[in-house]
Protein backbone atom coordinates (compact mmCIF):
# COMPACT_ATOMS: atom_id res chain seq x y z
CA MET A 1 -33.36 124.71 -290.58
CA PRO A 2 -33.90 122.23 -293.39
CA VAL A 3 -37.34 122.00 -294.95
CA VAL A 4 -38.08 118.58 -296.43
CA LYS A 5 -40.89 117.33 -298.66
CA PHE A 6 -41.80 113.66 -298.81
CA ASP A 7 -44.62 111.29 -299.66
CA PRO A 8 -45.91 109.99 -296.31
CA HIS A 9 -47.39 106.94 -298.05
CA LEU A 10 -43.87 105.89 -299.07
CA SER A 11 -41.81 107.27 -296.18
CA ASN A 12 -42.92 107.27 -292.55
CA PHE A 13 -39.45 107.33 -290.97
CA LEU A 14 -36.69 109.94 -291.38
CA ILE A 15 -33.06 109.84 -290.32
CA HIS A 16 -31.28 113.18 -290.04
CA ASP A 17 -27.70 112.85 -288.79
CA ASP A 18 -28.01 110.95 -285.47
CA ARG A 19 -31.69 111.85 -284.94
CA ARG A 20 -34.60 109.69 -286.03
CA PHE A 21 -38.24 110.72 -286.55
CA PHE A 22 -41.43 108.82 -287.34
CA LEU A 23 -44.99 109.69 -288.30
CA ILE A 24 -47.69 108.80 -285.81
CA SER A 25 -51.41 109.25 -286.31
CA LEU A 26 -53.45 110.34 -283.29
CA ASP A 27 -57.01 111.53 -282.82
CA ASN A 28 -56.00 115.17 -283.19
CA GLY A 29 -53.75 114.77 -286.24
CA ILE A 30 -50.57 113.29 -287.66
CA PHE A 31 -47.26 114.20 -286.08
CA LEU A 32 -43.59 113.83 -286.97
CA VAL A 33 -42.10 112.90 -283.59
CA THR A 34 -38.65 112.00 -282.40
CA ASP A 35 -37.86 108.30 -282.35
CA ASN A 36 -35.21 108.69 -279.66
CA CYS A 37 -36.43 107.90 -276.14
CA PRO A 38 -35.48 110.73 -273.75
CA HIS A 39 -33.94 108.20 -271.33
CA ARG A 40 -31.30 106.39 -273.41
CA GLY A 41 -32.26 106.99 -277.05
CA GLY A 42 -34.24 103.77 -277.54
CA PRO A 43 -36.37 103.39 -280.69
CA LEU A 44 -39.84 104.61 -279.71
CA HIS A 45 -41.31 103.46 -283.04
CA LEU A 46 -40.76 99.90 -281.77
CA GLY A 47 -42.41 100.66 -278.43
CA TYR A 48 -45.85 99.70 -277.20
CA PHE A 49 -48.63 102.25 -277.59
CA ASP A 50 -51.17 102.41 -274.78
CA CYS A 51 -54.13 104.27 -276.27
CA GLN A 52 -56.01 104.49 -272.96
CA LYS A 53 -53.12 106.28 -271.23
CA SER A 54 -51.90 107.94 -274.45
CA THR A 55 -48.32 106.80 -273.88
CA ILE A 56 -45.58 104.85 -275.62
CA ILE A 57 -43.50 102.40 -273.61
CA CYS A 58 -39.87 102.33 -274.75
CA PRO A 59 -38.79 98.80 -275.77
CA TRP A 60 -35.31 99.16 -274.22
CA HIS A 61 -35.90 100.17 -270.60
CA GLU A 62 -39.70 100.41 -270.44
CA LEU A 63 -39.75 104.16 -269.82
CA VAL A 64 -43.28 105.51 -270.32
CA VAL A 65 -43.34 108.55 -272.63
CA SER A 66 -46.56 110.55 -272.90
CA MET A 67 -47.94 111.46 -276.30
CA ASN A 68 -48.37 114.99 -274.92
CA HIS A 69 -44.57 115.18 -274.51
CA LEU A 70 -43.99 113.88 -278.05
CA GLN A 71 -46.56 116.28 -279.53
CA GLN A 72 -45.00 119.26 -277.73
CA HIS A 73 -41.61 118.37 -279.24
CA ALA A 74 -42.91 117.30 -282.67
CA MET A 75 -41.42 118.77 -285.81
CA PRO A 76 -43.55 121.32 -287.67
CA LEU A 77 -45.50 119.37 -290.30
CA VAL A 78 -47.95 120.41 -293.05
CA TRP A 79 -49.81 118.18 -295.53
CA ARG A 80 -50.66 119.36 -299.03
CA ASN A 81 -51.87 117.19 -301.90
CA ASP A 82 -50.54 113.97 -300.31
CA ILE A 83 -47.11 115.54 -299.76
CA ALA A 84 -45.80 116.20 -296.26
CA VAL A 85 -43.61 119.23 -295.63
CA ALA A 86 -41.58 119.21 -292.41
CA VAL A 87 -39.02 121.46 -290.76
CA LEU A 88 -36.15 119.58 -289.13
CA PRO A 89 -33.67 120.85 -286.54
CA GLU A 90 -30.45 122.38 -287.79
CA ILE A 91 -27.45 120.09 -287.47
CA LYS A 92 -24.12 119.76 -289.24
CA SER A 93 -25.09 116.96 -291.62
CA LYS A 94 -27.27 117.85 -294.56
CA SER A 95 -28.10 114.25 -295.43
CA ILE A 96 -31.61 113.02 -294.75
CA ALA A 97 -32.67 109.42 -295.30
CA PHE A 98 -36.31 108.64 -295.97
CA LYS A 99 -37.45 105.12 -295.05
CA HIS A 100 -40.62 103.12 -294.75
CA ARG A 101 -40.65 101.09 -291.54
CA HIS A 102 -43.24 99.11 -289.69
CA ILE A 103 -44.28 101.36 -286.80
CA LEU A 104 -45.20 99.17 -283.84
CA ALA A 105 -46.18 102.10 -281.62
CA THR A 106 -49.63 102.32 -283.19
CA SER A 107 -51.63 99.62 -281.44
CA GLU A 108 -52.34 99.01 -277.78
CA VAL A 109 -50.41 96.23 -276.07
CA SER A 110 -50.64 95.55 -272.36
CA ILE A 111 -47.25 95.12 -270.70
CA LYS A 112 -46.88 93.99 -267.09
CA GLY A 113 -44.14 95.51 -264.97
CA THR A 114 -43.57 98.68 -266.98
CA SER A 115 -41.94 101.69 -265.39
CA SER A 116 -44.22 104.12 -263.62
CA VAL A 117 -42.10 107.09 -264.68
CA ILE A 118 -43.90 109.14 -267.30
CA VAL A 119 -41.98 111.73 -269.31
CA GLU A 120 -44.29 114.71 -269.81
């Protein structure tokens, strides 16, 4: 399993083969979570974060994904001296791209007509 070090102030989004990850800050810490929606792989970092329900609504098909689910499947992450160290899943490709993207899934937005299915 690859261990990567990066500056979270410069990079908040990682691409490892066909998997994407983003950093999200919650009350109980900062997590490196998968960006791929469990339904059809939509970009969760572009979803709508509902802080009262602690969920992210996928922008593609409006699937509601609980933060509990994302935290349970988060990548191991440690912070030391403003450097993040993460362990990523083993896959064939060894290339890892570090990006800085605007993460929309950080502020509450009310959406009417969202799916009632919650992935836990």
